[in-house]
Amino acid sequence: MMTTPKIGIIGAGNMGRIHARVLNSVRALVAVADQDLARAESEAKKYGVKAYKDYRTMLSEVDLDGVIISTPSSTHADIAKDIAKNFGNIKGVLIEKPLADTLEEAKKVAEALQDNGIIAVISHSEIYNPVLSRALSLIKSGDIGTPRSVIHDRRGFVQPERIPALGDVFVDIGVHDFDIMARISSGRARLYAQGNSEGGIFNAGTVMISFEDGTEHLFLLSRQYVGRRRNLDVSGTKGTLSLDLFAQIIKVQDLDQEPSADSRTIRLHEKGATIKVYGEPLGEVISDFLGCIESGEKPQVGLEDGIAALEIVEATRKSAKTGQVVEIEVRSRG
């Protein structure tokens, strides 16, 4: 019988605490490291594991199979490269989104991890959301025909003091929807973006991507919105699909139906607000991560997916800063 991989967490902030809870539930959590030792100790005490101020000390002293990097976005690359080059005992790394703060750094991280045979999972957790998987299956099976117009609506509120650690809105939350887009549409396209900055950092933005085949994707991204929206609306040649990622509801309506006709509604089992927002998709991310360490198989969201999303992020930043349309090539991730 194979034993559960032993995992350490680097970074005990908001996402680090959620990772710790999920890892503990499957008896995989062994240690927690954070530059704020008191924060690391607080989390470690909850689960009866070791706490460290320096992640390098944790990696040197604890026999770990894998590690989760849930630190500020700008630090992901340096930590991942350090692990790849100096800690050969580590079999796998789970990196909170984004893979890195820039495309250039992401490619360096990928090279370092691949050269040292370390499996990497990138936490584009929305891809692991079961309601999204069902929706993508419906789209691919032709239930609504060929997608022609897709609206991605991802809006909520983030405290201003957290924004510098998270990076701009395109890299922080946009990566989820850029990855989703690449599982629906691919090929040559034209991108135009506008952004609203706070303290020199884009905190809200609108992005339009028009593909040569006629399909258009519109992204509404904001961290200064009262409420919380995670919706996907897909209009196709035969019908429409509306997806609520929080409520886990999919509604499908045929194009030739009367507007007042009832739609086909698919409702996944509800598992509580916290679970719907973070727990279930993140649980699937961690399950994939542990499974990859055990089997050596390719993860559902890996380095190439992280790089592909950052290619869109870089183009979006360029357009938002210059006001110009940018030509891009979207690689299929489906």
C-alpha atoms as a PDB file:
ATOM      1  CA  MET A   1       0.000   0.000   0.000  1.00  0.00           C
ATOM      2  CA  MET A   2       1.425   3.368  -1.031  1.00  0.00           C
ATOM      3  CA  THR A   3       1.840   5.927   1.751  1.00  0.00           C
ATOM      4  CA  THR A   4       0.464   9.447   1.401  1.00  0.00           C
ATOM      5  CA  PRO A   5       3.123  11.902   0.180  1.00  0.00           C
ATOM      6  CA  LYS A   6       4.515  14.256   2.848  1.00  0.00           C
ATOM      7  CA  ILE A   7       3.921  17.897   1.961  1.00  0.00           C
ATOM      8  CA  GLY A   8       5.225  21.198   3.325  1.00  0.00           C
ATOM      9  CA  ILE A   9       3.704  24.632   2.743  1.00  0.00           C
ATOM     10  CA  ILE A  10       5.671  27.802   2.023  1.00  0.00           C
ATOM     11  CA  GLY A  11       3.519  30.799   2.891  1.00  0.00           C
ATOM     12  CA  ALA A  12       0.773  30.775   5.533  1.00  0.00           C
ATOM     13  CA  GLY A  13      -1.364  33.632   4.200  1.00  0.00           C
ATOM     14  CA  ASN A  14      -4.946  33.367   2.938  1.00  0.00           C
ATOM     15  CA  MET A  15      -4.362  30.580   0.405  1.00  0.00           C
ATOM     16  CA  GLY A  16      -1.683  28.896   2.494  1.00  0.00           C
ATOM     17  CA  ARG A  17      -4.187  28.416   5.299  1.00  0.00           C
ATOM     18  CA  ILE A  18      -6.712  26.866   2.930  1.00  0.00           C
ATOM     19  CA  HIS A  19      -4.042  24.528   1.534  1.00  0.00           C
ATOM     20  CA  ALA A  20      -3.104  23.553   5.096  1.00  0.00           C
ATOM     21  CA  ARG A  21      -6.696  22.676   5.951  1.00  0.00           C
ATOM     22  CA  VAL A  22      -7.174  20.559   2.823  1.00  0.00           C
ATOM     23  CA  LEU A  23      -3.791  18.826   3.170  1.00  0.00           C
ATOM     24  CA  ASN A  24      -4.503  18.010   6.809  1.00  0.00           C
ATOM     25  CA  SER A  25      -7.817  16.436   5.839  1.00  0.00           C
ATOM     26  CA  VAL A  26      -5.910  13.852   3.774  1.00  0.00           C
ATOM     27  CA  ARG A  27      -3.097  13.488   6.350  1.00  0.00           C
ATOM     28  CA  ALA A  28      -0.469  14.927   3.999  1.00  0.00           C
ATOM     29  CA  LEU A  29       0.551  18.085   5.881  1.00  0.00           C
ATOM     30  CA  VAL A  30       3.935  17.821   7.621  1.00  0.00           C
ATOM     31  CA  ALA A  31       5.305  21.363   8.029  1.00  0.00           C
ATOM     32  CA  VAL A  32       4.561  25.050   7.426  1.00  0.00           C
ATOM     33  CA  ALA A  33       7.040  27.859   6.734  1.00  0.00           C
ATOM     34  CA  ASP A  34       6.420  31.607   6.692  1.00  0.00           C
ATOM     35  CA  GLN A  35       8.658  34.646   7.137  1.00  0.00           C
ATOM     36  CA  ASP A  36       6.203  35.632   9.852  1.00  0.00           C
ATOM     37  CA  LEU A  37       7.057  32.848  12.286  1.00  0.00           C
ATOM     38  CA  ALA A  38       4.046  33.584  14.492  1.00  0.00           C
ATOM     39  CA  ARG A  39       1.758  33.022  11.512  1.00  0.00           C
ATOM     40  CA  ALA A  40       3.497  29.760  10.643  1.00  0.00           C
ATOM     41  CA  GLU A  41       3.278  28.608  14.260  1.00  0.00           C
ATOM     42  CA  SER A  42      -0.418  29.456  14.414  1.00  0.00           C
ATOM     43  CA  GLU A  43      -1.176  27.207  11.454  1.00  0.00           C
ATOM     44  CA  ALA A  44       1.216  24.467  12.526  1.00  0.00           C
ATOM     45  CA  LYS A  45      -0.323  24.340  16.000  1.00  0.00           C
ATOM     46  CA  LYS A  46      -3.796  23.718  14.534  1.00  0.00           C
ATOM     47  CA  TYR A  47      -2.605  20.535  12.851  1.00  0.00           C
ATOM     48  CA  GLY A  48       0.197  19.334  15.089  1.00  0.00           C
ATOM     49  CA  VAL A  49       2.983  19.871  12.545  1.00  0.00           C
ATOM     50  CA  LYS A  50       6.313  21.723  12.549  1.00  0.00           C
ATOM     51  CA  ALA A  51       6.661  25.470  11.948  1.00  0.00           C
ATOM     52  CA  TYR A  52       9.591  27.277  10.333  1.00  0.00           C
ATOM     53  CA  LYS A  53      10.508  30.859   9.565  1.00  0.00           C
ATOM     54  CA  ASP A  54      12.855  29.905   6.697  1.00  0.00           C
ATOM     55  CA  TYR A  55      11.555  27.535   4.029  1.00  0.00           C
ATOM     56  CA  ARG A  56      15.098  26.426   3.237  1.00  0.00           C
ATOM     57  CA  THR A  57      15.511  25.203   6.800  1.00  0.00           C
ATOM     58  CA  MET A  58      12.218  23.328   6.516  1.00  0.00           C
ATOM     59  CA  LEU A  59      13.343  21.665   3.289  1.00  0.00           C
ATOM     60  CA  SER A  60      16.684  20.723   4.818  1.00  0.00           C
ATOM     61  CA  GLU A  61      15.348  19.327   8.092  1.00  0.00           C
ATOM     62  CA  VAL A  62      12.081  17.650   7.071  1.00  0.00           C
ATOM     63  CA  ASP A  63      11.831  14.656   4.752  1.00  0.00           C
ATOM     64  CA  LEU A  64       9.291  16.003   2.267  1.00  0.00           C
ATOM     65  CA  ASP A  65       7.976  14.555  -0.980  1.00  0.00           C
ATOM     66  CA  GLY A  66       6.484  17.811  -2.174  1.00  0.00           C
ATOM     67  CA  VAL A  67       5.931  21.458  -1.356  1.00  0.00           C
ATOM     68  CA  ILE A  68       3.236  24.056  -1.992  1.00  0.00           C
ATOM     69  CA  ILE A  69       4.336  27.615  -2.815  1.00  0.00           C
ATOM     70  CA  SER A  70       1.608  30.033  -1.668  1.00  0.00           C
ATOM     71  CA  THR A  71       3.657  33.195  -1.202  1.00  0.00           C
ATOM     72  CA  PRO A  72       3.221  36.605  -2.940  1.00  0.00           C
ATOM     73  CA  SER A  73       3.154  36.221  -6.732  1.00  0.00           C
ATOM     74  CA  SER A  74       6.447  38.049  -7.281  1.00  0.00           C
ATOM     75  CA  THR A  75       8.300  35.448  -5.167  1.00  0.00           C
ATOM     76  CA  HIS A  76       7.002  32.267  -6.866  1.00  0.00           C
ATOM     77  CA  ALA A  77       9.758  32.112  -9.484  1.00  0.00           C
ATOM     78  CA  ASP A  78      12.750  32.557  -7.164  1.00  0.00           C
ATOM     79  CA  ILE A  79      11.466  30.015  -4.652  1.00  0.00           C
ATOM     80  CA  ALA A  80      10.646  27.430  -7.326  1.00  0.00           C
ATOM     81  CA  LYS A  81      14.058  27.810  -9.000  1.00  0.00           C
ATOM     82  CA  ASP A  82      15.811  27.543  -5.632  1.00  0.00           C
ATOM     83  CA  ILE A  83      13.968  24.314  -4.843  1.00  0.00           C
ATOM     84  CA  ALA A  84      14.742  22.869  -8.277  1.00  0.00           C
ATOM     85  CA  LYS A  85      18.450  23.608  -8.054  1.00  0.00           C
ATOM     86  CA  ASN A  86      19.167  22.905  -4.383  1.00  0.00           C
ATOM     87  CA  PHE A  87      16.673  20.379  -3.034  1.00  0.00           C
ATOM     88  CA  GLY A  88      16.794  17.262  -5.176  1.00  0.00           C
ATOM     89  CA  ASN A  89      14.736  15.229  -2.700  1.00  0.00           C
ATOM     90  CA  ILE A  90      11.588  17.134  -3.638  1.00  0.00           C
ATOM     91  CA  LYS A  91       9.492  15.178  -6.151  1.00  0.00           C
ATOM     92  CA  GLY A  92       6.739  17.697  -6.787  1.00  0.00           C
ATOM     93  CA  VAL A  93       5.873  21.381  -6.453  1.00  0.00           C
ATOM     94  CA  LEU A  94       2.405  22.908  -6.433  1.00  0.00           C
ATOM     95  CA  ILE A  95       2.600  26.604  -7.292  1.00  0.00           C
ATOM     96  CA  GLU A  96      -0.321  28.875  -6.475  1.00  0.00           C
ATOM     97  CA  LYS A  97      -1.400  30.888  -9.490  1.00  0.00           C
ATOM     98  CA  PRO A  98       0.272  32.511 -11.254  1.00  0.00           C
ATOM     99  CA  LEU A  99       3.262  30.333 -12.150  1.00  0.00           C
ATOM    100  CA  ALA A 100       5.357  33.508 -12.067  1.00  0.00           C
ATOM    101  CA  ASP A 101       4.868  37.266 -12.251  1.00  0.00           C
ATOM    102  CA  THR A 102       6.146  37.485 -15.854  1.00  0.00           C
ATOM    103  CA  LEU A 103       6.315  35.200 -18.872  1.00  0.00           C
ATOM    104  CA  GLU A 104      10.121  35.361 -18.946  1.00  0.00           C
ATOM    105  CA  GLU A 105      10.381  34.196 -15.331  1.00  0.00           C
ATOM    106  CA  ALA A 106       7.789  31.468 -15.929  1.00  0.00           C
ATOM    107  CA  LYS A 107       9.897  29.978 -18.714  1.00  0.00           C
ATOM    108  CA  LYS A 108      12.972  29.969 -16.448  1.00  0.00           C
ATOM    109  CA  VAL A 109      11.004  28.224 -13.704  1.00  0.00           C
ATOM    110  CA  ALA A 110       9.730  25.602 -16.141  1.00  0.00           C
ATOM    111  CA  GLU A 111      13.240  24.924 -17.413  1.00  0.00           C
ATOM    112  CA  ALA A 112      14.653  24.555 -13.897  1.00  0.00           C
ATOM    113  CA  LEU A 113      11.902  22.207 -12.723  1.00  0.00           C
ATOM    114  CA  GLN A 114      11.988  20.078 -15.875  1.00  0.00           C
ATOM    115  CA  ASP A 115      15.801  19.827 -15.867  1.00  0.00           C
ATOM    116  CA  ASN A 116      15.658  18.457 -12.335  1.00  0.00           C
ATOM    117  CA  GLY A 117      12.763  16.068 -12.899  1.00  0.00           C
ATOM    118  CA  ILE A 118      10.358  17.809 -10.525  1.00  0.00           C
ATOM    119  CA  ILE A 119       6.635  17.484 -11.240  1.00  0.00           C
ATOM    120  CA  ALA A 120       4.806  20.822 -11.196  1.00  0.00           C
ATOM    121  CA  VAL A 121       1.108  21.530 -10.736  1.00  0.00           C
ATOM    122  CA  ILE A 122      -0.115  25.095 -11.292  1.00  0.00           C
ATOM    123  CA  SER A 123      -3.147  26.005  -9.194  1.00  0.00           C
ATOM    124  CA  HIS A 124      -5.530  27.309 -11.828  1.00  0.00           C
ATOM    125  CA  SER A 125      -8.126  25.897  -9.449  1.00  0.00           C
ATOM    126  CA  GLU A 126     -11.132  26.870 -11.584  1.00  0.00           C
ATOM    127  CA  ILE A 127     -10.101  24.261 -14.163  1.00  0.00           C
ATOM    128  CA  TYR A 128     -10.656  21.665 -11.432  1.00  0.00           C
ATOM    129  CA  ASN A 129     -14.144  22.952 -10.632  1.00  0.00           C
ATOM    130  CA  PRO A 130     -16.508  20.073 -11.533  1.00  0.00           C
ATOM    131  CA  VAL A 131     -19.183  22.429 -12.846  1.00  0.00           C
ATOM    132  CA  LEU A 132     -16.685  23.900 -15.330  1.00  0.00           C
ATOM    133  CA  SER A 133     -15.649  20.417 -16.439  1.00  0.00           C
ATOM    134  CA  ARG A 134     -19.300  19.601 -17.120  1.00  0.00           C
ATOM    135  CA  ALA A 135     -19.807  22.853 -19.028  1.00  0.00           C
ATOM    136  CA  LEU A 136     -16.726  22.300 -21.203  1.00  0.00           C
ATOM    137  CA  SER A 137     -17.972  18.792 -21.964  1.00  0.00           C
ATOM    138  CA  LEU A 138     -21.339  20.189 -23.085  1.00  0.00           C
ATOM    139  CA  ILE A 139     -19.614  22.746 -25.315  1.00  0.00           C
ATOM    140  CA  LYS A 140     -17.304  20.151 -26.882  1.00  0.00           C
ATOM    141  CA  SER A 141     -20.175  17.716 -27.495  1.00  0.00           C
ATOM    142  CA  GLY A 142     -21.936  20.381 -29.565  1.00  0.00           C
ATOM    143  CA  ASP A 143     -24.937  20.952 -27.291  1.00  0.00           C
ATOM    144  CA  ILE A 144     -24.985  24.662 -28.150  1.00  0.00           C
ATOM    145  CA  GLY A 145     -23.313  24.388 -31.539  1.00  0.00           C
ATOM    146  CA  THR A 146     -20.182  26.389 -32.321  1.00  0.00           C
ATOM    147  CA  PRO A 147     -19.365  29.018 -29.663  1.00  0.00           C
ATOM    148  CA  ARG A 148     -19.610  32.531 -31.073  1.00  0.00           C
ATOM    149  CA  SER A 149     -19.708  34.868 -28.065  1.00  0.00           C
ATOM    150  CA  VAL A 150     -18.268  34.101 -24.629  1.00  0.00           C
ATOM    151  CA  ILE A 151     -18.495  36.406 -21.607  1.00  0.00           C
ATOM    152  CA  HIS A 152     -16.188  35.735 -18.642  1.00  0.00           C
ATOM    153  CA  ASP A 153     -17.297  37.649 -15.532  1.00  0.00           C
ATOM    154  CA  ARG A 154     -14.896  37.443 -12.575  1.00  0.00           C
ATOM    155  CA  ARG A 155     -15.421  40.260 -10.112  1.00  0.00           C
ATOM    156  CA  GLY A 156     -15.115  40.740  -6.373  1.00  0.00           C
ATOM    157  CA  PHE A 157     -13.319  42.789  -3.751  1.00  0.00           C
ATOM    158  CA  VAL A 158      -9.738  42.621  -2.478  1.00  0.00           C
ATOM    159  CA  GLN A 159      -8.445  44.774   0.353  1.00  0.00           C
ATOM    160  CA  PRO A 160      -6.118  47.470  -1.065  1.00  0.00           C
ATOM    161  CA  GLU A 161      -3.270  46.450   1.242  1.00  0.00           C
ATOM    162  CA  ARG A 162      -3.179  42.972  -0.343  1.00  0.00           C
ATOM    163  CA  ILE A 163      -2.950  44.165  -3.951  1.00  0.00           C
ATOM    164  CA  PRO A 164       0.859  44.649  -4.172  1.00  0.00           C
ATOM    165  CA  ALA A 165       1.432  41.032  -3.114  1.00  0.00           C
ATOM    166  CA  LEU A 166      -1.097  39.703  -5.635  1.00  0.00           C
ATOM    167  CA  GLY A 167       0.050  41.674  -8.689  1.00  0.00           C
ATOM    168  CA  ASP A 168      -2.273  43.204 -11.269  1.00  0.00           C
ATOM    169  CA  VAL A 169      -5.784  41.954 -11.919  1.00  0.00           C
ATOM    170  CA  PHE A 170      -4.744  40.273 -15.192  1.00  0.00           C
ATOM    171  CA  VAL A 171      -2.166  37.992 -13.556  1.00  0.00           C
ATOM    172  CA  ASP A 172      -4.052  37.542 -10.276  1.00  0.00           C
ATOM    173  CA  ILE A 173      -7.513  36.507 -11.439  1.00  0.00           C
ATOM    174  CA  GLY A 174      -7.320  36.806 -15.230  1.00  0.00           C
ATOM    175  CA  VAL A 175      -5.189  33.655 -15.536  1.00  0.00           C
ATOM    176  CA  HIS A 176      -8.194  31.534 -14.554  1.00  0.00           C
ATOM    177  CA  ASP A 177     -10.313  32.796 -17.426  1.00  0.00           C
ATOM    178  CA  PHE A 178      -7.479  32.951 -19.950  1.00  0.00           C
ATOM    179  CA  ASP A 179      -6.933  29.232 -19.278  1.00  0.00           C
ATOM    180  CA  ILE A 180     -10.683  28.550 -19.573  1.00  0.00           C
ATOM    181  CA  MET A 181     -10.747  30.425 -22.906  1.00  0.00           C
ATOM    182  CA  ALA A 182      -7.938  28.261 -24.306  1.00  0.00           C
ATOM    183  CA  ARG A 183     -10.088  25.187 -23.570  1.00  0.00           C
ATOM    184  CA  ILE A 184     -12.889  26.650 -25.703  1.00  0.00           C
ATOM    185  CA  SER A 185     -11.122  28.640 -28.454  1.00  0.00           C
ATOM    186  CA  SER A 186      -7.645  28.675 -29.972  1.00  0.00           C
ATOM    187  CA  GLY A 187      -5.707  30.084 -32.907  1.00  0.00           C
ATOM    188  CA  ARG A 188      -4.857  33.549 -34.165  1.00  0.00           C
ATOM    189  CA  ALA A 189      -6.699  36.434 -32.533  1.00  0.00           C
ATOM    190  CA  ARG A 190      -6.681  40.162 -31.861  1.00  0.00           C
ATOM    191  CA  LEU A 191      -6.664  41.406 -28.261  1.00  0.00           C
ATOM    192  CA  TYR A 192      -7.664  44.776 -26.888  1.00  0.00           C
ATOM    193  CA  ALA A 193      -7.593  45.650 -23.173  1.00  0.00           C
ATOM    194  CA  GLN A 194      -8.371  48.594 -20.937  1.00  0.00           C
ATOM    195  CA  GLY A 195      -7.532  48.872 -17.258  1.00  0.00           C
ATOM    196  CA  ASN A 196      -8.232  50.912 -14.151  1.00  0.00           C
ATOM    197  CA  SER A 197      -5.164  51.240 -11.936  1.00  0.00           C
ATOM    198  CA  GLU A 198      -4.799  51.789  -8.211  1.00  0.00           C
ATOM    199  CA  GLY A 199      -1.383  52.744  -6.902  1.00  0.00           C
ATOM    200  CA  GLY A 200       0.090  52.052 -10.338  1.00  0.00           C
ATOM    201  CA  ILE A 201      -1.336  48.510 -10.457  1.00  0.00           C
ATOM    202  CA  PHE A 202      -4.232  47.492 -12.716  1.00  0.00           C
ATOM    203  CA  ASN A 203      -7.026  46.572 -10.309  1.00  0.00           C
ATOM    204  CA  ALA A 204      -9.857  46.239 -12.826  1.00  0.00           C
ATOM    205  CA  GLY A 205      -9.913  45.638 -16.551  1.00  0.00           C
ATOM    206  CA  THR A 206     -11.937  44.738 -19.605  1.00  0.00           C
ATOM    207  CA  VAL A 207     -10.413  42.514 -22.277  1.00  0.00           C
ATOM    208  CA  MET A 208     -11.794  41.658 -25.718  1.00  0.00           C
ATOM    209  CA  ILE A 209     -10.267  38.838 -27.753  1.00  0.00           C
ATOM    210  CA  SER A 210     -11.554  38.294 -31.309  1.00  0.00           C
ATOM    211  CA  PHE A 211     -10.541  35.076 -33.083  1.00  0.00           C
ATOM    212  CA  GLU A 212     -10.109  34.720 -36.833  1.00  0.00           C
ATOM    213  CA  ASP A 213     -12.928  32.167 -36.904  1.00  0.00           C
ATOM    214  CA  GLY A 214     -15.366  34.820 -35.627  1.00  0.00           C
ATOM    215  CA  THR A 215     -15.587  33.782 -31.974  1.00  0.00           C
ATOM    216  CA  GLU A 216     -15.253  36.603 -29.443  1.00  0.00           C
ATOM    217  CA  HIS A 217     -14.359  36.430 -25.753  1.00  0.00           C
ATOM    218  CA  LEU A 218     -15.094  39.329 -23.398  1.00  0.00           C
ATOM    219  CA  PHE A 219     -13.483  39.394 -19.946  1.00  0.00           C
ATOM    220  CA  LEU A 220     -14.826  41.507 -17.082  1.00  0.00           C
ATOM    221  CA  LEU A 221     -12.147  41.456 -14.372  1.00  0.00           C
ATOM    222  CA  SER A 222     -12.285  43.453 -11.158  1.00  0.00           C
ATOM    223  CA  ARG A 223     -11.129  43.411  -7.540  1.00  0.00           C
ATOM    224  CA  GLN A 224     -13.076  46.554  -6.636  1.00  0.00           C
ATOM    225  CA  TYR A 225     -16.586  45.179  -7.045  1.00  0.00           C
ATOM    226  CA  VAL A 226     -19.115  44.924  -4.224  1.00  0.00           C
ATOM    227  CA  GLY A 227     -20.219  41.302  -4.227  1.00  0.00           C
ATOM    228  CA  ARG A 228     -18.750  38.250  -5.866  1.00  0.00           C
ATOM    229  CA  ARG A 229     -19.298  37.035  -9.422  1.00  0.00           C
ATOM    230  CA  ARG A 230     -17.808  34.012 -11.178  1.00  0.00           C
ATOM    231  CA  ASN A 231     -19.940  33.507 -14.274  1.00  0.00           C
ATOM    232  CA  LEU A 232     -19.448  32.198 -17.800  1.00  0.00           C
ATOM    233  CA  ASP A 233     -21.973  32.848 -20.573  1.00  0.00           C
ATOM    234  CA  VAL A 234     -21.506  31.071 -23.912  1.00  0.00           C
ATOM    235  CA  SER A 235     -23.659  31.837 -26.967  1.00  0.00           C
ATOM    236  CA  GLY A 236     -23.417  29.286 -29.767  1.00  0.00           C
ATOM    237  CA  THR A 237     -24.952  28.670 -33.171  1.00  0.00           C
ATOM    238  CA  LYS A 238     -27.565  26.321 -31.655  1.00  0.00           C
ATOM    239  CA  GLY A 239     -28.106  27.674 -28.147  1.00  0.00           C
ATOM    240  CA  THR A 240     -26.713  29.297 -25.029  1.00  0.00           C
ATOM    241  CA  LEU A 241     -24.999  28.049 -21.888  1.00  0.00           C
ATOM    242  CA  SER A 242     -24.918  30.074 -18.671  1.00  0.00           C
ATOM    243  CA  LEU A 243     -22.650  28.928 -15.873  1.00  0.00           C
ATOM    244  CA  ASP A 244     -22.529  30.055 -12.238  1.00  0.00           C
ATOM    245  CA  LEU A 245     -19.256  28.751 -10.815  1.00  0.00           C
ATOM    246  CA  PHE A 246     -20.223  29.630  -7.234  1.00  0.00           C
ATOM    247  CA  ALA A 247     -23.726  28.173  -7.175  1.00  0.00           C
ATOM    248  CA  GLN A 248     -22.544  25.298  -9.397  1.00  0.00           C
ATOM    249  CA  ILE A 249     -25.449  25.681 -11.801  1.00  0.00           C
ATOM    250  CA  ILE A 250     -25.454  25.288 -15.590  1.00  0.00           C
ATOM    251  CA  LYS A 251     -28.409  26.484 -17.662  1.00  0.00           C
ATOM    252  CA  VAL A 252     -28.730  25.481 -21.320  1.00  0.00           C
ATOM    253  CA  GLN A 253     -31.341  26.843 -23.710  1.00  0.00           C
ATOM    254  CA  ASP A 254     -31.830  26.038 -27.393  1.00  0.00           C
ATOM    255  CA  LEU A 255     -31.764  28.970 -29.821  1.00  0.00           C
ATOM    256  CA  ASP A 256     -35.123  28.050 -31.365  1.00  0.00           C
ATOM    257  CA  GLN A 257     -36.971  27.953 -28.036  1.00  0.00           C
ATOM    258  CA  GLU A 258     -39.394  30.669 -27.029  1.00  0.00           C
ATOM    259  CA  PRO A 259     -37.670  33.194 -24.716  1.00  0.00           C
ATOM    260  CA  SER A 260     -40.060  32.248 -21.920  1.00  0.00           C
ATOM    261  CA  ALA A 261     -39.370  28.519 -22.244  1.00  0.00           C
ATOM    262  CA  ASP A 262     -37.741  26.724 -19.337  1.00  0.00           C
ATOM    263  CA  SER A 263     -34.049  26.043 -19.772  1.00  0.00           C
ATOM    264  CA  ARG A 264     -32.381  22.742 -19.057  1.00  0.00           C
ATOM    265  CA  THR A 265     -30.769  23.185 -15.663  1.00  0.00           C
ATOM    266  CA  ILE A 266     -27.921  21.089 -14.308  1.00  0.00           C
ATOM    267  CA  ARG A 267     -27.261  21.618 -10.618  1.00  0.00           C
ATOM    268  CA  LEU A 268     -24.277  19.985  -8.967  1.00  0.00           C
ATOM    269  CA  HIS A 269     -24.509  18.949  -5.331  1.00  0.00           C
ATOM    270  CA  GLU A 270     -24.008  21.910  -3.039  1.00  0.00           C
ATOM    271  CA  LYS A 271     -21.376  21.466  -0.364  1.00  0.00           C
ATOM    272  CA  GLY A 272     -21.409  24.750   1.542  1.00  0.00           C
ATOM    273  CA  ALA A 273     -20.219  28.237   0.589  1.00  0.00           C
ATOM    274  CA  THR A 274     -16.585  27.741   1.580  1.00  0.00           C
ATOM    275  CA  ILE A 275     -16.406  24.446  -0.240  1.00  0.00           C
ATOM    276  CA  LYS A 276     -17.963  25.893  -3.391  1.00  0.00           C
ATOM    277  CA  VAL A 277     -15.587  28.820  -3.507  1.00  0.00           C
ATOM    278  CA  TYR A 278     -12.326  27.159  -2.541  1.00  0.00           C
ATOM    279  CA  GLY A 279     -12.654  23.755  -0.976  1.00  0.00           C
ATOM    280  CA  GLU A 280     -13.865  21.420  -3.693  1.00  0.00           C
ATOM    281  CA  PRO A 281     -11.793  22.776  -6.610  1.00  0.00           C
ATOM    282  CA  LEU A 282      -8.744  23.196  -4.376  1.00  0.00           C
ATOM    283  CA  GLY A 283      -9.286  19.719  -3.004  1.00  0.00           C
ATOM    284  CA  GLU A 284      -9.170  18.435  -6.569  1.00  0.00           C
ATOM    285  CA  VAL A 285      -5.973  20.414  -7.215  1.00  0.00           C
ATOM    286  CA  ILE A 286      -4.307  18.841  -4.193  1.00  0.00           C
ATOM    287  CA  SER A 287      -5.614  15.386  -5.087  1.00  0.00           C
ATOM    288  CA  ASP A 288      -4.078  15.782  -8.541  1.00  0.00           C
ATOM    289  CA  PHE A 289      -0.825  16.985  -6.971  1.00  0.00           C
ATOM    290  CA  LEU A 290      -0.553  14.044  -4.576  1.00  0.00           C
ATOM    291  CA  GLY A 291      -1.504  11.599  -7.324  1.00  0.00           C
ATOM    292  CA  CYS A 292       1.180  12.962  -9.654  1.00  0.00           C
ATOM    293  CA  ILE A 293       3.839  12.599  -6.964  1.00  0.00           C
ATOM    294  CA  GLU A 294       2.786   8.986  -6.411  1.00  0.00           C
ATOM    295  CA  SER A 295       2.449   8.006 -10.061  1.00  0.00           C
ATOM    296  CA  GLY A 296       4.707  10.425 -11.921  1.00  0.00           C
ATOM    297  CA  GLU A 297       1.871  11.141 -14.344  1.00  0.00           C
ATOM    298  CA  LYS A 298       1.196  14.487 -16.011  1.00  0.00           C
ATOM    299  CA  PRO A 299      -1.019  16.891 -13.990  1.00  0.00           C
ATOM    300  CA  GLN A 300      -4.295  18.303 -15.227  1.00  0.00           C
ATOM    301  CA  VAL A 301      -2.811  21.824 -15.080  1.00  0.00           C
ATOM    302  CA  GLY A 302       0.958  21.911 -15.547  1.00  0.00           C
ATOM    303  CA  LEU A 303       3.808  24.171 -16.568  1.00  0.00           C
ATOM    304  CA  GLU A 304       2.687  24.592 -20.187  1.00  0.00           C
ATOM    305  CA  ASP A 305      -0.753  25.695 -19.019  1.00  0.00           C
ATOM    306  CA  GLY A 306       0.795  28.236 -16.661  1.00  0.00           C
ATOM    307  CA  ILE A 307       3.022  29.604 -19.433  1.00  0.00           C
ATOM    308  CA  ALA A 308       0.157  29.743 -21.946  1.00  0.00           C
ATOM    309  CA  ALA A 309      -1.978  31.799 -19.533  1.00  0.00           C
ATOM    310  CA  LEU A 310       0.912  34.196 -18.930  1.00  0.00           C
ATOM    311  CA  GLU A 311       1.309  34.702 -22.678  1.00  0.00           C
ATOM    312  CA  ILE A 312      -2.202  36.177 -22.654  1.00  0.00           C
ATOM    313  CA  VAL A 313      -1.434  38.181 -19.492  1.00  0.00           C
ATOM    314  CA  GLU A 314       1.602  39.791 -21.146  1.00  0.00           C
ATOM    315  CA  ALA A 315      -0.397  40.709 -24.261  1.00  0.00           C
ATOM    316  CA  THR A 316      -3.167  42.122 -22.084  1.00  0.00           C
ATOM    317  CA  ARG A 317      -0.744  44.274 -20.103  1.00  0.00           C
ATOM    318  CA  LYS A 318       0.787  45.576 -23.330  1.00  0.00           C
ATOM    319  CA  SER A 319      -2.589  46.526 -24.775  1.00  0.00           C
ATOM    320  CA  ALA A 320      -3.827  48.134 -21.549  1.00  0.00           C
ATOM    321  CA  LYS A 321      -0.655  50.231 -21.271  1.00  0.00           C
ATOM    322  CA  THR A 322      -0.428  51.307 -24.925  1.00  0.00           C
ATOM    323  CA  GLY A 323      -4.079  51.422 -25.927  1.00  0.00           C
ATOM    324  CA  GLN A 324      -3.197  49.333 -28.992  1.00  0.00           C
ATOM    325  CA  VAL A 325      -4.634  46.102 -30.379  1.00  0.00           C
ATOM    326  CA  VAL A 326      -2.198  43.185 -29.954  1.00  0.00           C
ATOM    327  CA  GLU A 327      -1.997  40.182 -32.283  1.00  0.00           C
ATOM    328  CA  ILE A 328      -1.803  36.886 -30.376  1.00  0.00           C
ATOM    329  CA  GLU A 329      -1.800  33.129 -30.917  1.00  0.00           C
ATOM    330  CA  VAL A 330      -3.856  31.232 -28.346  1.00  0.00           C
ATOM    331  CA  ARG A 331      -2.631  27.676 -27.880  1.00  0.00           C
ATOM    332  CA  SER A 332      -5.340  25.092 -27.262  1.00  0.00           C
ATOM    333  CA  ARG A 333      -5.312  23.655 -23.752  1.00  0.00           C
ATOM    334  CA  GLY A 334      -8.304  21.386 -24.302  1.00  0.00           C
END
